[in-house]
Amino acid sequence: MVRHDAPAEDSRGEASPDLRKYLANLLQFEPVVVRPSIIQRSTIRRWHPSGKPNISALNLKDRHPHFETGEDLTPVRKVPRLAQSPKMGWRGYFQSHKMDRSMQFYNLSELWALQACEADPVVADFVEHPICLLVDHGGRHRRVRLSTFVTRKSECWFLLGMREQTASKEPRTEFLEKIGQTLSTHGFGFEVLTELHRREEPLAKTVFDILRGRGTKPLDQARVDFAVALANAGATVGDIEDRSDLDRNDICRLILNRQLFVNIRKPLDHKTLISPTPFADPIPPWSAR
């Protein structure tokens, strides 16, 4: 677009003094201040178990064999193939190296729960969509399908994935409180996950870095033993990379195999401390706080 109020060139095709002054004035503008976008933090909706899990109290073994035998990890809910829609959100399959099968998710919050449980070496096993619960709320029995069941150390947790906008509504808040108190009373932990959990750093980046180990080939036992020996001596990720032929992806595979342990709440870099035993961390792996 040509500005009609701009001074013209002279007969020799050079910019006149007025034109040079005009262009100089155009370049004198106020700098644009770019402010970082405000990242909304997740709301903690967590109920810790009050004691040992009481499986018989909720008739869990009748609803899912995993609670009794630990062998059957088949979910009770079938999820259609990968798709996206404004109402349903993302849904599809997550290939778990730890559980050695393809696992189903119905939204991004459920996917984050699977990814975090996969990356955390403290998690022994987990199953998606384990059971449906009937919760007495306001004189009515409401049906809720829990997203994930997790065994971590001596604790058992149920997770429920949903949108932050849905979880923050007042009627739903009271309903979640009822579920959390009921499960906690019977010795199960309960936490609500939303899409905000998978955005919190450095936890999210560390989880995604560890998941890169799923694509590497199995390591021979001699290399594994050498890495564990270095971890016993208080080595870091950089020490193992410098003193062996293992790269970062190989180390991540050992973490997924629960042969090496890291604190997933810290960045996975050259200075990350490696341990042959789990770190004492009371915070579940799917939450940054």
Protein backbone atom coordinates (compact mmCIF):
# COMPACT_ATOMS: atom_id res chain seq x y z
CA MET A 1 0.00 0.00 0.00
CA VAL A 2 1.38 3.45 -0.97
CA ARG A 3 1.16 6.25 1.55
CA HIS A 4 0.10 9.39 -0.34
CA ASP A 5 1.41 11.65 2.38
CA ALA A 6 5.00 10.31 2.00
CA PRO A 7 7.55 12.72 0.40
CA ALA A 8 8.57 11.82 -3.16
CA GLU A 9 12.02 11.05 -4.54
CA ASP A 10 14.03 13.70 -6.41
CA SER A 11 14.79 13.66 -10.13
CA ARG A 12 17.91 11.53 -9.67
CA GLY A 13 15.93 8.74 -7.99
CA GLU A 14 17.47 9.43 -4.60
CA ALA A 15 15.55 10.07 -1.44
CA SER A 16 15.11 13.74 -0.66
CA PRO A 17 15.97 15.06 2.81
CA ASP A 18 12.28 15.16 3.60
CA LEU A 19 11.89 11.51 2.58
CA ARG A 20 14.90 10.45 4.68
CA LYS A 21 13.46 12.30 7.65
CA TYR A 22 10.05 10.72 7.08
CA LEU A 23 11.51 7.18 6.97
CA ALA A 24 13.57 7.88 10.08
CA ASN A 25 10.43 8.91 11.94
CA LEU A 26 8.69 5.67 10.91
CA LEU A 27 11.51 3.66 12.48
CA GLN A 28 11.15 5.44 15.79
CA PHE A 29 8.42 3.30 17.33
CA GLU A 30 7.82 2.05 20.82
CA PRO A 31 9.21 -1.46 21.40
CA VAL A 32 6.59 -4.16 21.73
CA VAL A 33 6.73 -5.78 25.15
CA VAL A 34 6.01 -9.49 24.86
CA ARG A 35 4.58 -10.76 28.12
CA PRO A 36 4.70 -14.50 28.78
CA SER A 37 1.33 -16.14 28.70
CA ILE A 38 -0.13 -16.95 32.10
CA ILE A 39 -0.21 -20.72 32.55
CA GLN A 40 -3.02 -21.79 34.79
CA ARG A 41 -1.92 -24.29 37.42
CA SER A 42 -3.89 -27.41 38.19
CA THR A 43 -6.12 -27.58 41.25
CA ILE A 44 -5.18 -30.28 43.75
CA ARG A 45 -8.13 -32.64 44.23
CA ARG A 46 -6.45 -35.48 46.10
CA TRP A 47 -7.57 -37.79 48.90
CA HIS A 48 -4.86 -39.97 50.45
CA PRO A 49 -5.67 -43.51 51.63
CA SER A 50 -6.48 -43.69 55.33
CA GLY A 51 -5.09 -47.21 55.77
CA LYS A 52 -4.63 -50.50 54.00
CA PRO A 53 -6.93 -51.16 51.02
CA ASN A 54 -10.13 -52.94 52.01
CA ILE A 55 -10.97 -54.73 48.78
CA SER A 56 -13.96 -56.64 50.15
CA ALA A 57 -15.66 -53.47 51.41
CA LEU A 58 -16.40 -52.22 47.88
CA ASN A 59 -16.78 -55.68 46.33
CA LEU A 60 -13.95 -54.80 44.00
CA LYS A 61 -12.79 -58.37 43.42
CA ASP A 62 -16.25 -59.25 42.07
CA ARG A 63 -16.07 -56.39 39.60
CA HIS A 64 -12.49 -56.86 38.46
CA PRO A 65 -10.26 -59.95 38.95
CA HIS A 66 -7.14 -57.77 39.14
CA PHE A 67 -7.97 -56.77 42.71
CA GLU A 68 -7.78 -60.40 43.84
CA THR A 69 -5.25 -62.15 41.61
CA GLY A 70 -3.19 -59.34 40.11
CA GLU A 71 -3.15 -61.20 36.79
CA ASP A 72 -6.15 -60.04 34.79
CA LEU A 73 -5.55 -56.49 33.56
CA THR A 74 -8.41 -56.28 31.09
CA PRO A 75 -10.33 -52.99 31.30
CA VAL A 76 -14.08 -53.02 31.68
CA ARG A 77 -14.62 -50.28 29.11
CA LYS A 78 -14.09 -50.47 25.37
CA VAL A 79 -12.88 -47.29 23.69
CA PRO A 80 -13.37 -46.65 19.98
CA ARG A 81 -10.39 -46.07 17.71
CA LEU A 82 -8.43 -42.82 17.82
CA ALA A 83 -10.73 -39.91 17.08
CA GLN A 84 -11.28 -36.28 17.96
CA SER A 85 -14.50 -34.40 18.41
CA PRO A 86 -15.55 -31.27 20.33
CA LYS A 87 -17.71 -33.34 22.69
CA MET A 88 -15.59 -36.43 23.29
CA GLY A 89 -12.07 -34.97 22.96
CA TRP A 90 -9.11 -37.21 22.18
CA ARG A 91 -9.47 -40.96 22.56
CA GLY A 92 -7.35 -43.84 21.45
CA TYR A 93 -4.58 -46.21 22.54
CA PHE A 94 -1.31 -45.91 24.45
CA GLN A 95 1.30 -48.62 23.99
CA SER A 96 2.64 -49.48 27.45
CA HIS A 97 6.11 -50.99 27.71
CA LYS A 98 5.66 -51.64 31.43
CA MET A 99 2.33 -53.47 31.10
CA ASP A 100 3.29 -55.00 27.73
CA ARG A 101 0.03 -54.19 25.98
CA SER A 102 -1.95 -51.44 24.33
CA MET A 103 -3.98 -49.39 26.83
CA GLN A 104 -7.07 -47.30 26.13
CA PHE A 105 -7.70 -43.67 26.99
CA TYR A 106 -10.82 -41.58 26.52
CA ASN A 107 -9.42 -38.05 26.96
CA LEU A 108 -6.10 -36.26 27.38
CA SER A 109 -6.32 -36.44 31.17
CA GLU A 110 -6.57 -40.23 31.03
CA LEU A 111 -3.66 -40.31 28.57
CA TRP A 112 -1.55 -38.25 30.98
CA ALA A 113 -2.30 -40.70 33.81
CA LEU A 114 -1.07 -43.60 31.66
CA GLN A 115 2.05 -41.71 30.59
CA ALA A 116 2.95 -40.68 34.15
CA CYS A 117 2.43 -44.20 35.52
CA GLU A 118 4.50 -45.61 32.68
CA ALA A 119 7.41 -43.24 33.36
CA ASP A 120 7.45 -43.50 37.15
CA PRO A 121 9.62 -46.50 38.13
CA VAL A 122 7.92 -46.66 41.53
CA VAL A 123 4.58 -47.64 39.96
CA ALA A 124 4.37 -51.44 39.90
CA ASP A 125 1.32 -51.83 37.63
CA PHE A 126 -1.76 -49.97 36.49
CA VAL A 127 -4.95 -50.67 34.59
CA GLU A 128 -7.26 -48.31 32.74
CA HIS A 129 -11.03 -48.11 33.32
CA PRO A 130 -11.00 -50.70 36.10
CA ILE A 131 -14.49 -50.45 37.59
CA CYS A 132 -17.71 -48.46 37.78
CA LEU A 133 -18.85 -47.22 41.17
CA LEU A 134 -22.35 -46.40 42.36
CA VAL A 135 -22.10 -43.40 44.66
CA ASP A 136 -24.96 -42.24 46.88
CA HIS A 137 -25.10 -38.48 46.45
CA GLY A 138 -28.06 -36.36 47.43
CA GLY A 139 -30.35 -39.36 47.84
CA ARG A 140 -29.58 -40.62 44.35
CA HIS A 141 -27.21 -43.34 43.16
CA ARG A 142 -24.90 -41.93 40.53
CA ARG A 143 -22.66 -44.08 38.35
CA VAL A 144 -19.02 -43.04 37.85
CA ARG A 145 -16.49 -44.88 35.72
CA LEU A 146 -13.01 -44.47 37.18
CA SER A 147 -10.17 -43.89 34.73
CA THR A 148 -7.15 -45.72 36.20
CA PHE A 149 -6.19 -48.02 39.05
CA VAL A 150 -2.55 -47.75 40.19
CA THR A 151 -0.42 -49.84 42.53
CA ARG A 152 2.43 -47.72 43.90
CA LYS A 153 4.60 -49.07 46.73
CA SER A 154 2.10 -50.25 49.36
CA GLU A 155 -0.65 -47.88 48.21
CA CYS A 156 -3.51 -48.30 45.75
CA TRP A 157 -4.92 -45.30 43.91
CA PHE A 158 -7.90 -44.57 41.69
CA LEU A 159 -7.69 -41.75 39.16
CA LEU A 160 -10.47 -39.91 37.37
CA GLY A 161 -9.72 -37.80 34.30
CA MET A 162 -11.95 -34.93 33.22
CA ARG A 163 -11.84 -31.36 31.97
CA GLU A 164 -10.88 -28.62 34.40
CA GLN A 165 -13.99 -26.65 33.48
CA THR A 166 -16.17 -29.63 34.43
CA ALA A 167 -14.31 -30.48 37.63
CA SER A 168 -14.49 -26.91 38.94
CA LYS A 169 -18.30 -26.64 38.82
CA GLU A 170 -19.97 -26.59 42.22
CA PRO A 171 -22.28 -29.64 41.86
CA ARG A 172 -19.44 -31.73 40.47
CA THR A 173 -17.06 -30.56 43.22
CA GLU A 174 -19.37 -31.94 45.92
CA PHE A 175 -19.74 -35.20 44.00
CA LEU A 176 -15.95 -35.62 43.70
CA GLU A 177 -15.60 -34.90 47.41
CA LYS A 178 -18.03 -37.73 48.13
CA ILE A 179 -16.08 -40.16 45.94
CA GLY A 180 -12.77 -39.18 47.50
CA GLN A 181 -13.99 -39.57 51.06
CA THR A 182 -15.57 -42.96 50.31
CA LEU A 183 -12.46 -44.41 48.68
CA SER A 184 -10.13 -42.91 51.29
CA THR A 185 -12.18 -44.47 54.09
CA HIS A 186 -11.67 -47.91 52.54
CA GLY A 187 -7.91 -47.41 52.14
CA PHE A 188 -7.72 -46.23 48.52
CA GLY A 189 -6.21 -42.98 47.30
CA PHE A 190 -8.18 -40.88 44.83
CA GLU A 191 -7.22 -37.94 42.64
CA VAL A 192 -8.90 -36.00 39.86
CA LEU A 193 -6.72 -35.18 36.85
CA THR A 194 -7.42 -32.51 34.25
CA GLU A 195 -5.66 -31.27 31.13
CA LEU A 196 -3.68 -28.80 33.29
CA HIS A 197 -1.67 -31.58 34.95
CA ARG A 198 0.13 -32.51 31.74
CA ARG A 199 1.36 -28.91 31.28
CA GLU A 200 3.21 -28.52 34.56
CA GLU A 201 6.99 -28.38 34.36
CA PRO A 202 9.45 -29.91 34.91
CA LEU A 203 7.34 -33.01 35.58
CA ALA A 204 5.73 -33.13 32.13
CA LYS A 205 9.03 -32.79 30.25
CA THR A 206 10.73 -35.42 32.41
CA VAL A 207 7.89 -37.87 31.82
CA PHE A 208 8.04 -37.36 28.06
CA ASP A 209 11.85 -37.70 28.09
CA ILE A 210 11.67 -41.03 29.93
CA LEU A 211 9.05 -42.35 27.52
CA ARG A 212 11.60 -42.10 24.72
CA GLY A 213 13.17 -45.27 26.13
CA ARG A 214 10.26 -47.36 24.89
CA GLY A 215 11.71 -47.39 21.38
CA THR A 216 15.16 -48.73 22.27
CA LYS A 217 16.35 -52.31 22.01
CA PRO A 218 16.79 -54.48 25.12
CA LEU A 219 20.22 -54.22 26.76
CA ASP A 220 22.45 -57.17 27.59
CA GLN A 221 22.85 -58.01 31.27
CA ALA A 222 26.51 -56.96 31.46
CA ARG A 223 25.69 -53.39 30.43
CA VAL A 224 22.76 -53.30 32.84
CA ASP A 225 24.91 -54.51 35.73
CA PHE A 226 27.54 -51.88 34.97
CA ALA A 227 24.93 -49.10 34.98
CA VAL A 228 23.48 -50.36 38.29
CA ALA A 229 26.99 -50.47 39.77
CA LEU A 230 27.53 -46.83 38.78
CA ALA A 231 24.19 -45.93 40.32
CA ASN A 232 25.25 -47.61 43.57
CA ALA A 233 28.29 -45.34 43.59
CA GLY A 234 26.09 -42.22 43.39
CA ALA A 235 26.45 -41.57 39.67
CA THR A 236 24.47 -39.07 37.63
CA VAL A 237 23.02 -39.46 34.16
CA GLY A 238 26.11 -37.75 32.75
CA ASP A 239 28.44 -40.13 34.61
CA ILE A 240 26.75 -43.18 33.10
CA GLU A 241 26.84 -41.64 29.62
CA ASP A 242 30.54 -40.73 29.94
CA ARG A 243 31.75 -43.96 31.52
CA SER A 244 29.74 -46.45 29.45
CA ASP A 245 28.40 -46.87 25.93
CA LEU A 246 24.83 -46.20 27.09
CA ASP A 247 23.07 -43.15 25.70
CA ARG A 248 20.16 -41.19 27.17
CA ASN A 249 17.52 -43.42 25.58
CA ASP A 250 19.18 -46.55 27.00
CA ILE A 251 19.09 -45.00 30.47
CA CYS A 252 15.42 -44.17 30.02
CA ARG A 253 14.73 -47.80 29.12
CA LEU A 254 16.38 -48.94 32.35
CA ILE A 255 14.16 -46.49 34.22
CA LEU A 256 11.08 -47.91 32.51
CA ASN A 257 12.26 -51.42 33.44
CA ARG A 258 12.55 -50.29 37.08
CA GLN A 259 16.27 -51.15 37.08
CA LEU A 260 17.28 -47.54 37.69
CA PHE A 261 15.37 -44.81 39.52
CA VAL A 262 15.20 -41.03 39.23
CA ASN A 263 13.10 -38.30 40.77
CA ILE A 264 10.70 -37.53 37.94
CA ARG A 265 9.79 -34.23 39.57
CA LYS A 266 13.21 -32.88 38.55
CA PRO A 267 14.60 -32.28 35.03
CA LEU A 268 16.26 -35.25 33.35
CA ASP A 269 19.65 -33.83 32.34
CA HIS A 270 23.39 -34.43 32.70
CA LYS A 271 23.31 -33.70 36.45
CA THR A 272 20.30 -35.86 37.37
CA LEU A 273 21.10 -38.28 40.19
CA ILE A 274 20.54 -41.97 39.43
CA SER A 275 19.66 -44.44 42.18
CA PRO A 276 19.35 -48.25 42.25
CA THR A 277 16.42 -47.92 44.68
CA PRO A 278 13.26 -45.75 44.58
CA PHE A 279 13.37 -42.21 45.91
CA ALA A 280 11.23 -41.36 48.92
CA ASP A 281 8.56 -39.20 47.31
CA PRO A 282 5.10 -39.05 48.89
CA ILE A 283 3.65 -37.10 45.94
CA PRO A 284 2.09 -39.32 43.24
CA PRO A 285 3.82 -39.21 39.82
CA TRP A 286 0.87 -37.78 37.92
CA SER A 287 0.86 -34.49 39.89
CA ALA A 288 3.60 -31.86 40.12
CA ARG A 289 2.55 -30.78 43.65
